[in-house]
Amino acid sequence: MDYSLADIFQSSDYSLDIFKPEELAALEIYDKKGKPYLKDFATGKERPAKPEEIVRQLYVHRLMHRYGYKPSRLEVEKGIWFGSTIAEKRADIVVLDEKNPEEVYIIVECKSPAAKMDWSN
């Protein structure tokens, strides 16, 4: 079965308007056991092609192709250390430090369009 982005996003509040056509064309969505899947641009790992994952992968693609980060510096769904413990939630995307790959350089968090953000702090 062939899947289009329109099929996957039909009942979603997500929008892909900020991505260029060539970025959208880079996604390769395929069928696996009757469900849409894609490969993580950074790791090659198979992931279900749900709207949130598609948006996350488009940002991974942008980090690699627009900003020049190597796939080896990108991790998806990464546990982040805060002080002496790992946070319960995982960061959507982290860019690792070039000179010290154990250190996180940038954290990218993708949010649902309906998510309420608290900017008071």
PDB file of N, CA and C in Angstrom:
ATOM      1  N   MET A   1       0.839  -1.186   0.000  1.00  0.00           N
ATOM      2  CA  MET A   1       0.000   0.000   0.000  1.00  0.00           C
ATOM      3  C   MET A   1       0.882   1.246   0.000  1.00  0.00           C
ATOM      4  N   ASP A   2       0.497   2.220  -0.790  1.00  0.00           N
ATOM      5  CA  ASP A   2       1.201   3.504  -0.808  1.00  0.00           C
ATOM      6  C   ASP A   2       0.541   4.461   0.171  1.00  0.00           C
ATOM      7  N   TYR A   3       1.354   5.205   0.881  1.00  0.00           N
ATOM      8  CA  TYR A   3       0.853   6.187   1.840  1.00  0.00           C
ATOM      9  C   TYR A   3       1.302   7.573   1.412  1.00  0.00           C
ATOM     10  N   SER A   4       0.400   8.522   1.516  1.00  0.00           N
ATOM     11  CA  SER A   4       0.760   9.916   1.248  1.00  0.00           C
ATOM     12  C   SER A   4       0.728  10.681   2.567  1.00  0.00           C
ATOM     13  N   LEU A   5       1.400  11.817   2.582  1.00  0.00           N
ATOM     14  CA  LEU A   5       1.366  12.655   3.777  1.00  0.00           C
ATOM     15  C   LEU A   5      -0.063  13.110   4.064  1.00  0.00           C
ATOM     16  N   ALA A   6      -0.834  13.362   3.008  1.00  0.00           N
ATOM     17  CA  ALA A   6      -2.231  13.779   3.195  1.00  0.00           C
ATOM     18  C   ALA A   6      -3.023  12.696   3.917  1.00  0.00           C
ATOM     19  N   ASP A   7      -2.780  11.426   3.572  1.00  0.00           N
ATOM     20  CA  ASP A   7      -3.469  10.318   4.250  1.00  0.00           C
ATOM     21  C   ASP A   7      -3.120  10.301   5.735  1.00  0.00           C
ATOM     22  N   ILE A   8      -1.847  10.423   6.036  1.00  0.00           N
ATOM     23  CA  ILE A   8      -1.382  10.314   7.423  1.00  0.00           C
ATOM     24  C   ILE A   8      -1.824  11.523   8.252  1.00  0.00           C
ATOM     25  N   PHE A   9      -1.869  12.697   7.641  1.00  0.00           N
ATOM     26  CA  PHE A   9      -2.188  13.927   8.370  1.00  0.00           C
ATOM     27  C   PHE A   9      -3.661  14.319   8.301  1.00  0.00           C
ATOM     28  N   GLN A  10      -4.505  13.488   7.693  1.00  0.00           N
ATOM     29  CA  GLN A  10      -5.895  13.894   7.461  1.00  0.00           C
ATOM     30  C   GLN A  10      -6.667  14.238   8.725  1.00  0.00           C
ATOM     31  N   SER A  11      -6.427  13.540   9.812  1.00  0.00           N
ATOM     32  CA  SER A  11      -7.169  13.832  11.046  1.00  0.00           C
ATOM     33  C   SER A  11      -6.245  14.426  12.109  1.00  0.00           C
ATOM     34  N   SER A  12      -5.303  15.228  11.665  1.00  0.00           N
ATOM     35  CA  SER A  12      -4.302  15.786  12.572  1.00  0.00           C
ATOM     36  C   SER A  12      -4.323  17.307  12.534  1.00  0.00           C
ATOM     37  N   ASP A  13      -3.924  17.909  13.641  1.00  0.00           N
ATOM     38  CA  ASP A  13      -3.788  19.365  13.700  1.00  0.00           C
ATOM     39  C   ASP A  13      -2.408  19.823  13.227  1.00  0.00           C
ATOM     40  N   TYR A  14      -1.512  18.884  12.949  1.00  0.00           N
ATOM     41  CA  TYR A  14      -0.171  19.233  12.503  1.00  0.00           C
ATOM     42  C   TYR A  14      -0.231  19.857  11.115  1.00  0.00           C
ATOM     43  N   SER A  15       0.686  20.749  10.843  1.00  0.00           N
ATOM     44  CA  SER A  15       0.807  21.361   9.531  1.00  0.00           C
ATOM     45  C   SER A  15       2.258  21.236   9.077  1.00  0.00           C
ATOM     46  N   LEU A  16       2.425  21.049   7.783  1.00  0.00           N
ATOM     47  CA  LEU A  16       3.771  20.921   7.228  1.00  0.00           C
ATOM     48  C   LEU A  16       4.154  22.152   6.412  1.00  0.00           C
ATOM     49  N   ASP A  17       3.421  23.240   6.596  1.00  0.00           N
ATOM     50  CA  ASP A  17       3.615  24.438   5.786  1.00  0.00           C
ATOM     51  C   ASP A  17       5.015  25.034   5.884  1.00  0.00           C
ATOM     52  N   ILE A  18       5.705  24.825   6.986  1.00  0.00           N
ATOM     53  CA  ILE A  18       7.030  25.447   7.147  1.00  0.00           C
ATOM     54  C   ILE A  18       8.139  24.681   6.428  1.00  0.00           C
ATOM     55  N   PHE A  19       7.812  23.498   5.914  1.00  0.00           N
ATOM     56  CA  PHE A  19       8.823  22.691   5.233  1.00  0.00           C
ATOM     57  C   PHE A  19       8.747  22.892   3.726  1.00  0.00           C
ATOM     58  N   LYS A  20       9.903  22.909   3.095  1.00  0.00           N
ATOM     59  CA  LYS A  20       9.987  23.078   1.648  1.00  0.00           C
ATOM     60  C   LYS A  20       9.599  21.777   0.949  1.00  0.00           C
ATOM     61  N   PRO A  21       9.115  21.869  -0.296  1.00  0.00           N
ATOM     62  CA  PRO A  21       8.732  20.659  -1.035  1.00  0.00           C
ATOM     63  C   PRO A  21       9.850  19.619  -1.114  1.00  0.00           C
ATOM     64  N   GLU A  22      11.097  20.069  -1.259  1.00  0.00           N
ATOM     65  CA  GLU A  22      12.203  19.107  -1.350  1.00  0.00           C
ATOM     66  C   GLU A  22      12.449  18.399  -0.017  1.00  0.00           C
ATOM     67  N   GLU A  23      12.147  19.073   1.092  1.00  0.00           N
ATOM     68  CA  GLU A  23      12.260  18.415   2.397  1.00  0.00           C
ATOM     69  C   GLU A  23      11.182  17.341   2.532  1.00  0.00           C
ATOM     70  N   LEU A  24       9.965  17.679   2.124  1.00  0.00           N
ATOM     71  CA  LEU A  24       8.869  16.706   2.176  1.00  0.00           C
ATOM     72  C   LEU A  24       9.152  15.520   1.258  1.00  0.00           C
ATOM     73  N   ALA A  25       9.734  15.799   0.092  1.00  0.00           N
ATOM     74  CA  ALA A  25      10.031  14.733  -0.873  1.00  0.00           C
ATOM     75  C   ALA A  25      11.104  13.777  -0.361  1.00  0.00           C
ATOM     76  N   ALA A  26      11.914  14.214   0.591  1.00  0.00           N
ATOM     77  CA  ALA A  26      12.978  13.352   1.130  1.00  0.00           C
ATOM     78  C   ALA A  26      12.419  12.207   1.974  1.00  0.00           C
ATOM     79  N   LEU A  27      11.203  12.379   2.487  1.00  0.00           N
ATOM     80  CA  LEU A  27      10.590  11.316   3.296  1.00  0.00           C
ATOM     81  C   LEU A  27      10.249  10.120   2.420  1.00  0.00           C
ATOM     82  N   GLU A  28      10.630   8.960   2.860  1.00  0.00           N
ATOM     83  CA  GLU A  28      10.261   7.725   2.164  1.00  0.00           C
ATOM     84  C   GLU A  28       9.376   6.917   3.097  1.00  0.00           C
ATOM     85  N   ILE A  29       8.084   6.969   2.838  1.00  0.00           N
ATOM     86  CA  ILE A  29       7.119   6.263   3.675  1.00  0.00           C
ATOM     87  C   ILE A  29       6.756   4.969   2.969  1.00  0.00           C
ATOM     88  N   TYR A  30       6.789   3.877   3.708  1.00  0.00           N
ATOM     89  CA  TYR A  30       6.529   2.563   3.122  1.00  0.00           C
ATOM     90  C   TYR A  30       5.644   1.743   4.052  1.00  0.00           C
ATOM     91  N   ASP A  31       5.137   0.664   3.507  1.00  0.00           N
ATOM     92  CA  ASP A  31       4.239  -0.218   4.248  1.00  0.00           C
ATOM     93  C   ASP A  31       5.032  -1.291   4.989  1.00  0.00           C
ATOM     94  N   LYS A  32       4.655  -1.502   6.242  1.00  0.00           N
ATOM     95  CA  LYS A  32       5.211  -2.604   7.021  1.00  0.00           C
ATOM     96  C   LYS A  32       4.059  -3.197   7.830  1.00  0.00           C
ATOM     97  N   LYS A  33       3.657  -4.392   7.459  1.00  0.00           N
ATOM     98  CA  LYS A  33       2.553  -5.088   8.131  1.00  0.00           C
ATOM     99  C   LYS A  33       1.277  -4.245   8.161  1.00  0.00           C
ATOM    100  N   GLY A  34       0.998  -3.579   7.038  1.00  0.00           N
ATOM    101  CA  GLY A  34      -0.239  -2.820   6.915  1.00  0.00           C
ATOM    102  C   GLY A  34      -0.234  -1.443   7.550  1.00  0.00           C
ATOM    103  N   LYS A  35       0.940  -0.970   7.982  1.00  0.00           N
ATOM    104  CA  LYS A  35       1.030   0.354   8.613  1.00  0.00           C
ATOM    105  C   LYS A  35       2.158   1.156   7.971  1.00  0.00           C
ATOM    106  N   PRO A  36       2.012   2.500   7.959  1.00  0.00           N
ATOM    107  CA  PRO A  36       3.069   3.324   7.361  1.00  0.00           C
ATOM    108  C   PRO A  36       4.287   3.446   8.279  1.00  0.00           C
ATOM    109  N   TYR A  37       5.450   3.300   7.673  1.00  0.00           N
ATOM    110  CA  TYR A  37       6.726   3.416   8.386  1.00  0.00           C
ATOM    111  C   TYR A  37       7.658   4.318   7.596  1.00  0.00           C
ATOM    112  N   LEU A  38       8.694   4.793   8.280  1.00  0.00           N
ATOM    113  CA  LEU A  38       9.772   5.534   7.639  1.00  0.00           C
ATOM    114  C   LEU A  38      11.074   5.182   8.335  1.00  0.00           C
ATOM    115  N   LYS A  39      12.182   5.569   7.718  1.00  0.00           N
ATOM    116  CA  LYS A  39      13.487   5.346   8.349  1.00  0.00           C
ATOM    117  C   LYS A  39      13.996   6.657   8.917  1.00  0.00           C
ATOM    118  N   ASP A  40      14.500   6.581  10.133  1.00  0.00           N
ATOM    119  CA  ASP A  40      15.089   7.725  10.811  1.00  0.00           C
ATOM    120  C   ASP A  40      16.271   8.213   9.968  1.00  0.00           C
ATOM    121  N   PHE A  41      16.273   9.491   9.615  1.00  0.00           N
ATOM    122  CA  PHE A  41      17.342  10.041   8.779  1.00  0.00           C
ATOM    123  C   PHE A  41      18.713   9.920   9.430  1.00  0.00           C
ATOM    124  N   ALA A  42      18.785  10.010  10.739  1.00  0.00           N
ATOM    125  CA  ALA A  42      20.078   9.989  11.428  1.00  0.00           C
ATOM    126  C   ALA A  42      20.592   8.579  11.669  1.00  0.00           C
ATOM    127  N   THR A  43      19.696   7.645  12.007  1.00  0.00           N
ATOM    128  CA  THR A  43      20.139   6.310  12.417  1.00  0.00           C
ATOM    129  C   THR A  43      19.767   5.196  11.451  1.00  0.00           C
ATOM    130  N   GLY A  44      18.797   5.448  10.583  1.00  0.00           N
ATOM    131  CA  GLY A  44      18.306   4.397   9.701  1.00  0.00           C
ATOM    132  C   GLY A  44      17.302   3.476  10.373  1.00  0.00           C
ATOM    133  N   LYS A  45      17.009   3.718  11.651  1.00  0.00           N
ATOM    134  CA  LYS A  45      16.065   2.886  12.399  1.00  0.00           C
ATOM    135  C   LYS A  45      14.649   3.079  11.855  1.00  0.00           C
ATOM    136  N   GLU A  46      13.900   1.972  11.756  1.00  0.00           N
ATOM    137  CA  GLU A  46      12.506   2.053  11.316  1.00  0.00           C
ATOM    138  C   GLU A  46      11.643   2.641  12.428  1.00  0.00           C
ATOM    139  N   ARG A  47      10.750   3.551  12.030  1.00  0.00           N
ATOM    140  CA  ARG A  47       9.838   4.174  12.987  1.00  0.00           C
ATOM    141  C   ARG A  47       8.450   4.256  12.360  1.00  0.00           C
ATOM    142  N   PRO A  48       7.392   4.073  13.166  1.00  0.00           N
ATOM    143  CA  PRO A  48       6.039   4.262  12.630  1.00  0.00           C
ATOM    144  C   PRO A  48       5.881   5.695  12.117  1.00  0.00           C
ATOM    145  N   ALA A  49       5.297   5.840  10.937  1.00  0.00           N
ATOM    146  CA  ALA A  49       5.157   7.161  10.312  1.00  0.00           C
ATOM    147  C   ALA A  49       3.894   7.854  10.805  1.00  0.00           C
ATOM    148  N   LYS A  50       3.910   8.220  12.079  1.00  0.00           N
ATOM    149  CA  LYS A  50       2.808   8.989  12.668  1.00  0.00           C
ATOM    150  C   LYS A  50       3.122  10.470  12.478  1.00  0.00           C
ATOM    151  N   PRO A  51       2.104  11.347  12.552  1.00  0.00           N
ATOM    152  CA  PRO A  51       2.365  12.776  12.317  1.00  0.00           C
ATOM    153  C   PRO A  51       3.517  13.346  13.143  1.00  0.00           C
ATOM    154  N   GLU A  52       3.565  13.051  14.446  1.00  0.00           N
ATOM    155  CA  GLU A  52       4.648  13.596  15.274  1.00  0.00           C
ATOM    156  C   GLU A  52       6.013  13.111  14.796  1.00  0.00           C
ATOM    157  N   GLU A  53       6.105  11.840  14.409  1.00  0.00           N
ATOM    158  CA  GLU A  53       7.389  11.298  13.948  1.00  0.00           C
ATOM    159  C   GLU A  53       7.796  11.912  12.620  1.00  0.00           C
ATOM    160  N   ILE A  54       6.837  12.150  11.743  1.00  0.00           N
ATOM    161  CA  ILE A  54       7.148  12.776  10.458  1.00  0.00           C
ATOM    162  C   ILE A  54       7.716  14.174  10.686  1.00  0.00           C
ATOM    163  N   VAL A  55       7.087  14.957  11.552  1.00  0.00           N
ATOM    164  CA  VAL A  55       7.586  16.303  11.856  1.00  0.00           C
ATOM    165  C   VAL A  55       8.985  16.221  12.461  1.00  0.00           C
ATOM    166  N   ARG A  56       9.180  15.295  13.379  1.00  0.00           N
ATOM    167  CA  ARG A  56      10.497  15.126  14.006  1.00  0.00           C
ATOM    168  C   ARG A  56      11.545  14.786  12.945  1.00  0.00           C
ATOM    169  N   GLN A  57      11.230  13.873  12.036  1.00  0.00           N
ATOM    170  CA  GLN A  57      12.191  13.479  11.009  1.00  0.00           C
ATOM    171  C   GLN A  57      12.473  14.608  10.023  1.00  0.00           C
ATOM    172  N   LEU A  58      11.479  15.437   9.759  1.00  0.00           N
ATOM    173  CA  LEU A  58      11.718  16.591   8.893  1.00  0.00           C
ATOM    174  C   LEU A  58      12.695  17.566   9.552  1.00  0.00           C
ATOM    175  N   TYR A  59      12.605  17.711  10.864  1.00  0.00           N
ATOM    176  CA  TYR A  59      13.583  18.553  11.573  1.00  0.00           C
ATOM    177  C   TYR A  59      14.965  17.898  11.596  1.00  0.00           C
ATOM    178  N   VAL A  60      15.032  16.591  11.744  1.00  0.00           N
ATOM    179  CA  VAL A  60      16.323  15.890  11.664  1.00  0.00           C
ATOM    180  C   VAL A  60      16.936  16.136  10.287  1.00  0.00           C
ATOM    181  N   HIS A  61      16.126  15.995   9.254  1.00  0.00           N
ATOM    182  CA  HIS A  61      16.595  16.224   7.881  1.00  0.00           C
ATOM    183  C   HIS A  61      17.117  17.656   7.729  1.00  0.00           C
ATOM    184  N   ARG A  62      16.383  18.611   8.290  1.00  0.00           N
ATOM    185  CA  ARG A  62      16.788  20.013   8.197  1.00  0.00           C
ATOM    186  C   ARG A  62      18.108  20.248   8.935  1.00  0.00           C
ATOM    187  N   LEU A  63      18.249  19.673  10.109  1.00  0.00           N
ATOM    188  CA  LEU A  63      19.504  19.812  10.856  1.00  0.00           C
ATOM    189  C   LEU A  63      20.680  19.271  10.054  1.00  0.00           C
ATOM    190  N   MET A  64      20.460  18.185   9.335  1.00  0.00           N
ATOM    191  CA  MET A  64      21.533  17.577   8.553  1.00  0.00           C
ATOM    192  C   MET A  64      21.819  18.352   7.267  1.00  0.00           C
ATOM    193  N   HIS A  65      20.762  18.688   6.530  1.00  0.00           N
ATOM    194  CA  HIS A  65      20.954  19.212   5.179  1.00  0.00           C
ATOM    195  C   HIS A  65      21.002  20.733   5.090  1.00  0.00           C
ATOM    196  N   ARG A  66      20.327  21.431   5.980  1.00  0.00           N
ATOM    197  CA  ARG A  66      20.392  22.893   5.950  1.00  0.00           C
ATOM    198  C   ARG A  66      21.504  23.406   6.859  1.00  0.00           C
ATOM    199  N   TYR A  67      21.654  22.770   8.019  1.00  0.00           N
ATOM    200  CA  TYR A  67      22.608  23.267   9.011  1.00  0.00           C
ATOM    201  C   TYR A  67      23.897  22.459   9.076  1.00  0.00           C
ATOM    202  N   GLY A  68      23.974  21.354   8.357  1.00  0.00           N
ATOM    203  CA  GLY A  68      25.222  20.623   8.208  1.00  0.00           C
ATOM    204  C   GLY A  68      25.645  19.717   9.351  1.00  0.00           C
ATOM    205  N   TYR A  69      24.727  19.386  10.253  1.00  0.00           N
ATOM    206  CA  TYR A  69      25.084  18.467  11.337  1.00  0.00           C
ATOM    207  C   TYR A  69      25.183  17.046  10.795  1.00  0.00           C
ATOM    208  N   LYS A  70      26.217  16.341  11.207  1.00  0.00           N
ATOM    209  CA  LYS A  70      26.414  14.955  10.784  1.00  0.00           C
ATOM    210  C   LYS A  70      25.423  14.046  11.510  1.00  0.00           C
ATOM    211  N   PRO A  71      24.967  12.983  10.836  1.00  0.00           N
ATOM    212  CA  PRO A  71      24.043  12.045  11.494  1.00  0.00           C
ATOM    213  C   PRO A  71      24.581  11.506  12.814  1.00  0.00           C
ATOM    214  N   SER A  72      25.892  11.342  12.915  1.00  0.00           N
ATOM    215  CA  SER A  72      26.491  10.807  14.144  1.00  0.00           C
ATOM    216  C   SER A  72      26.327  11.753  15.335  1.00  0.00           C
ATOM    217  N   ARG A  73      26.012  13.020  15.065  1.00  0.00           N
ATOM    218  CA  ARG A  73      25.816  13.987  16.153  1.00  0.00           C
ATOM    219  C   ARG A  73      24.356  14.122  16.562  1.00  0.00           C
ATOM    220  N   LEU A  74      23.458  13.409  15.875  1.00  0.00           N
ATOM    221  CA  LEU A  74      22.026  13.539  16.144  1.00  0.00           C
ATOM    222  C   LEU A  74      21.478  12.282  16.795  1.00  0.00           C
ATOM    223  N   GLU A  75      20.657  12.468  17.812  1.00  0.00           N
ATOM    224  CA  GLU A  75      19.958  11.350  18.445  1.00  0.00           C
ATOM    225  C   GLU A  75      18.502  11.738  18.632  1.00  0.00           C
ATOM    226  N   VAL A  76      17.626  10.753  18.451  1.00  0.00           N
ATOM    227  CA  VAL A  76      16.185  10.952  18.577  1.00  0.00           C
ATOM    228  C   VAL A  76      15.701  10.208  19.813  1.00  0.00           C
ATOM    229  N   GLU A  77      14.747  10.830  20.535  1.00  0.00           N
ATOM    230  CA  GLU A  77      14.187  10.214  21.745  1.00  0.00           C
ATOM    231  C   GLU A  77      15.296   9.897  22.754  1.00  0.00           C
ATOM    232  N   LYS A  78      16.069  10.898  23.061  1.00  0.00           N
ATOM    233  CA  LYS A  78      17.246  10.746  23.923  1.00  0.00           C
ATOM    234  C   LYS A  78      16.927  11.166  25.352  1.00  0.00           C
ATOM    235  N   GLY A  79      17.261  10.302  26.308  1.00  0.00           N
ATOM    236  CA  GLY A  79      17.149  10.673  27.716  1.00  0.00           C
ATOM    237  C   GLY A  79      18.175  11.746  28.037  1.00  0.00           C
ATOM    238  N   ILE A  80      17.772  12.758  28.774  1.00  0.00           N
ATOM    239  CA  ILE A  80      18.639  13.896  29.075  1.00  0.00           C
ATOM    240  C   ILE A  80      18.949  13.924  30.567  1.00  0.00           C
ATOM    241  N   TRP A  81      20.210  14.160  30.895  1.00  0.00           N
ATOM    242  CA  TRP A  81      20.630  14.297  32.299  1.00  0.00           C
ATOM    243  C   TRP A  81      20.317  15.698  32.788  1.00  0.00           C
ATOM    244  N   PHE A  82      19.689  15.777  33.957  1.00  0.00           N
ATOM    245  CA  PHE A  82      19.505  17.042  34.668  1.00  0.00           C
ATOM    246  C   PHE A  82      20.127  16.840  36.032  1.00  0.00           C
ATOM    247  N   GLY A  83      21.268  17.459  36.259  1.00  0.00           N
ATOM    248  CA  GLY A  83      22.000  17.230  37.504  1.00  0.00           C
ATOM    249  C   GLY A  83      22.536  15.813  37.515  1.00  0.00           C
ATOM    250  N   SER A  84      22.120  15.021  38.504  1.00  0.00           N
ATOM    251  CA  SER A  84      22.649  13.660  38.629  1.00  0.00           C
ATOM    252  C   SER A  84      21.659  12.591  38.179  1.00  0.00           C
ATOM    253  N   THR A  85      20.533  12.998  37.581  1.00  0.00           N
ATOM    254  CA  THR A  85      19.542  12.013  37.143  1.00  0.00           C
ATOM    255  C   THR A  85      19.108  12.274  35.710  1.00  0.00           C
ATOM    256  N   ILE A  86      18.645  11.216  35.066  1.00  0.00           N
ATOM    257  CA  ILE A  86      18.073  11.347  33.728  1.00  0.00           C
ATOM    258  C   ILE A  86      16.612  11.737  33.885  1.00  0.00           C
ATOM    259  N   ALA A  87      16.174  12.711  33.110  1.00  0.00           N
ATOM    260  CA  ALA A  87      14.775  13.142  33.152  1.00  0.00           C
ATOM    261  C   ALA A  87      13.875  11.992  32.713  1.00  0.00           C
ATOM    262  N   GLU A  88      12.656  11.958  33.255  1.00  0.00           N
ATOM    263  CA  GLU A  88      11.718  10.902  32.893  1.00  0.00           C
ATOM    264  C   GLU A  88      11.337  10.973  31.423  1.00  0.00           C
ATOM    265  N   LYS A  89      11.211  12.154  30.895  1.00  0.00           N
ATOM    266  CA  LYS A  89      10.849  12.316  29.489  1.00  0.00           C
ATOM    267  C   LYS A  89      12.113  12.403  28.653  1.00  0.00           C
ATOM    268  N   ARG A  90      11.945  12.083  27.394  1.00  0.00           N
ATOM    269  CA  ARG A  90      13.074  12.115  26.468  1.00  0.00           C
ATOM    270  C   ARG A  90      12.965  13.329  25.553  1.00  0.00           C
ATOM    271  N   ALA A  91      14.103  13.840  25.142  1.00  0.00           N
ATOM    272  CA  ALA A  91      14.118  14.940  24.173  1.00  0.00           C
ATOM    273  C   ALA A  91      13.816  14.370  22.797  1.00  0.00           C
ATOM    274  N   ASP A  92      13.063  15.116  22.000  1.00  0.00           N
ATOM    275  CA  ASP A  92      12.746  14.652  20.651  1.00  0.00           C
ATOM    276  C   ASP A  92      14.013  14.481  19.822  1.00  0.00           C
ATOM    277  N   ILE A  93      14.852  15.500  19.826  1.00  0.00           N
ATOM    278  CA  ILE A  93      16.106  15.457  19.057  1.00  0.00           C
ATOM    279  C   ILE A  93      17.185  16.126  19.899  1.00  0.00           C
ATOM    280  N   VAL A  94      18.354  15.528  19.939  1.00  0.00           N
ATOM    281  CA  VAL A  94      19.500  16.214  20.527  1.00  0.00           C
ATOM    282  C   VAL A  94      20.626  16.249  19.507  1.00  0.00           C
ATOM    283  N   VAL A  95      21.344  17.363  19.530  1.00  0.00           N
ATOM    284  CA  VAL A  95      22.570  17.496  18.749  1.00  0.00           C
ATOM    285  C   VAL A  95      23.695  17.386  19.759  1.00  0.00           C
ATOM    286  N   LEU A  96      24.594  16.446  19.525  1.00  0.00           N
ATOM    287  CA  LEU A  96      25.715  16.227  20.440  1.00  0.00           C
ATOM    288  C   LEU A  96      26.861  17.178  20.114  1.00  0.00           C
ATOM    289  N   ASP A  97      27.632  17.519  21.122  1.00  0.00           N
ATOM    290  CA  ASP A  97      28.779  18.400  20.953  1.00  0.00           C
ATOM    291  C   ASP A  97      29.799  17.750  20.024  1.00  0.00           C
ATOM    292  N   GLU A  98      30.344  18.534  19.116  1.00  0.00           N
ATOM    293  CA  GLU A  98      31.291  17.999  18.133  1.00  0.00           C
ATOM    294  C   GLU A  98      32.576  17.478  18.778  1.00  0.00           C
ATOM    295  N   LYS A  99      33.104  18.205  19.749  1.00  0.00           N
ATOM    296  CA  LYS A  99      34.366  17.814  20.372  1.00  0.00           C
ATOM    297  C   LYS A  99      34.180  16.824  21.510  1.00  0.00           C
ATOM    298  N   ASN A 100      33.026  16.848  22.140  1.00  0.00           N
ATOM    299  CA  ASN A 100      32.743  15.944  23.252  1.00  0.00           C
ATOM    300  C   ASN A 100      31.369  15.311  23.027  1.00  0.00           C
ATOM    301  N   PRO A 101      31.315  14.217  22.267  1.00  0.00           N
ATOM    302  CA  PRO A 101      30.033  13.627  21.885  1.00  0.00           C
ATOM    303  C   PRO A 101      29.217  13.055  23.038  1.00  0.00           C
ATOM    304  N   GLU A 102      29.755  13.078  24.236  1.00  0.00           N
ATOM    305  CA  GLU A 102      28.977  12.667  25.409  1.00  0.00           C
ATOM    306  C   GLU A 102      28.079  13.810  25.889  1.00  0.00           C
ATOM    307  N   GLU A 103      28.387  15.029  25.451  1.00  0.00           N
ATOM    308  CA  GLU A 103      27.670  16.223  25.902  1.00  0.00           C
ATOM    309  C   GLU A 103      26.616  16.648  24.889  1.00  0.00           C
ATOM    310  N   VAL A 104      25.478  17.091  25.396  1.00  0.00           N
ATOM    311  CA  VAL A 104      24.411  17.603  24.539  1.00  0.00           C
ATOM    312  C   VAL A 104      24.701  19.065  24.221  1.00  0.00           C
ATOM    313  N   TYR A 105      24.642  19.407  22.948  1.00  0.00           N
ATOM    314  CA  TYR A 105      24.911  20.762  22.463  1.00  0.00           C
ATOM    315  C   TYR A 105      23.604  21.536  22.257  1.00  0.00           C
ATOM    316  N   ILE A 106      22.604  20.871  21.658  1.00  0.00           N
ATOM    317  CA  ILE A 106      21.300  21.484  21.390  1.00  0.00           C
ATOM    318  C   ILE A 106      20.214  20.462  21.703  1.00  0.00           C
ATOM    319  N   ILE A 107      19.115  20.921  22.290  1.00  0.00           N
ATOM    320  CA  ILE A 107      17.937  20.085  22.510  1.00  0.00           C
ATOM    321  C   ILE A 107      16.809  20.654  21.656  1.00  0.00           C
ATOM    322  N   VAL A 108      16.174  19.797  20.864  1.00  0.00           N
ATOM    323  CA  VAL A 108      15.032  20.196  20.038  1.00  0.00           C
ATOM    324  C   VAL A 108      13.818  19.441  20.546  1.00  0.00           C
ATOM    325  N   GLU A 109      12.789  20.167  20.898  1.00  0.00           N
ATOM    326  CA  GLU A 109      11.558  19.552  21.397  1.00  0.00           C
ATOM    327  C   GLU A 109      10.421  19.934  20.453  1.00  0.00           C
ATOM    328  N   CYS A 110       9.784  18.941  19.859  1.00  0.00           N
ATOM    329  CA  CYS A 110       8.654  19.159  18.953  1.00  0.00           C
ATOM    330  C   CYS A 110       7.374  19.002  19.756  1.00  0.00           C
ATOM    331  N   LYS A 111       6.469  19.946  19.628  1.00  0.00           N
ATOM    332  CA  LYS A 111       5.230  19.917  20.402  1.00  0.00           C
ATOM    333  C   LYS A 111       4.024  19.824  19.489  1.00  0.00           C
ATOM    334  N   SER A 112       2.988  19.205  20.007  1.00  0.00           N
ATOM    335  CA  SER A 112       1.710  19.126  19.317  1.00  0.00           C
ATOM    336  C   SER A 112       1.146  20.535  19.150  1.00  0.00           C
ATOM    337  N   PRO A 113       0.431  20.796  18.047  1.00  0.00           N
ATOM    338  CA  PRO A 113      -0.168  22.122  17.887  1.00  0.00           C
ATOM    339  C   PRO A 113      -1.123  22.481  19.024  1.00  0.00           C
ATOM    340  N   ALA A 114      -1.717  21.484  19.652  1.00  0.00           N
ATOM    341  CA  ALA A 114      -2.673  21.739  20.732  1.00  0.00           C
ATOM    342  C   ALA A 114      -1.997  21.890  22.096  1.00  0.00           C
ATOM    343  N   ALA A 115      -0.706  21.657  22.175  1.00  0.00           N
ATOM    344  CA  ALA A 115      -0.004  21.712  23.464  1.00  0.00           C
ATOM    345  C   ALA A 115      -0.042  23.121  24.039  1.00  0.00           C
ATOM    346  N   LYS A 116      -0.324  23.197  25.307  1.00  0.00           N
ATOM    347  CA  LYS A 116      -0.321  24.489  26.000  1.00  0.00           C
ATOM    348  C   LYS A 116       1.080  24.694  26.574  1.00  0.00           C
ATOM    349  N   MET A 117       1.678  25.811  26.243  1.00  0.00           N
ATOM    350  CA  MET A 117       3.029  26.106  26.691  1.00  0.00           C
ATOM    351  C   MET A 117       2.977  27.101  27.847  1.00  0.00           C
ATOM    352  N   ASP A 118       3.768  26.842  28.862  1.00  0.00           N
ATOM    353  CA  ASP A 118       3.874  27.754  29.997  1.00  0.00           C
ATOM    354  C   ASP A 118       5.177  28.531  29.846  1.00  0.00           C
ATOM    355  N   TRP A 119       5.075  29.776  29.435  1.00  0.00           N
ATOM    356  CA  TRP A 119       6.244  30.620  29.199  1.00  0.00           C
ATOM    357  C   TRP A 119       6.518  31.544  30.385  1.00  0.00           C
ATOM    358  N   SER A 120       5.891  31.270  31.532  1.00  0.00           N
ATOM    359  CA  SER A 120       6.001  32.180  32.673  1.00  0.00           C
ATOM    360  C   SER A 120       7.358  32.141  33.368  1.00  0.00           C
ATOM    361  N   ASN A 121       8.134  31.098  33.181  1.00  0.00           N
ATOM    362  CA  ASN A 121       9.433  31.002  33.870  1.00  0.00           C
ATOM    363  C   ASN A 121      10.535  31.585  33.041  1.00  0.00           C
TER     364      ASN A 121
END
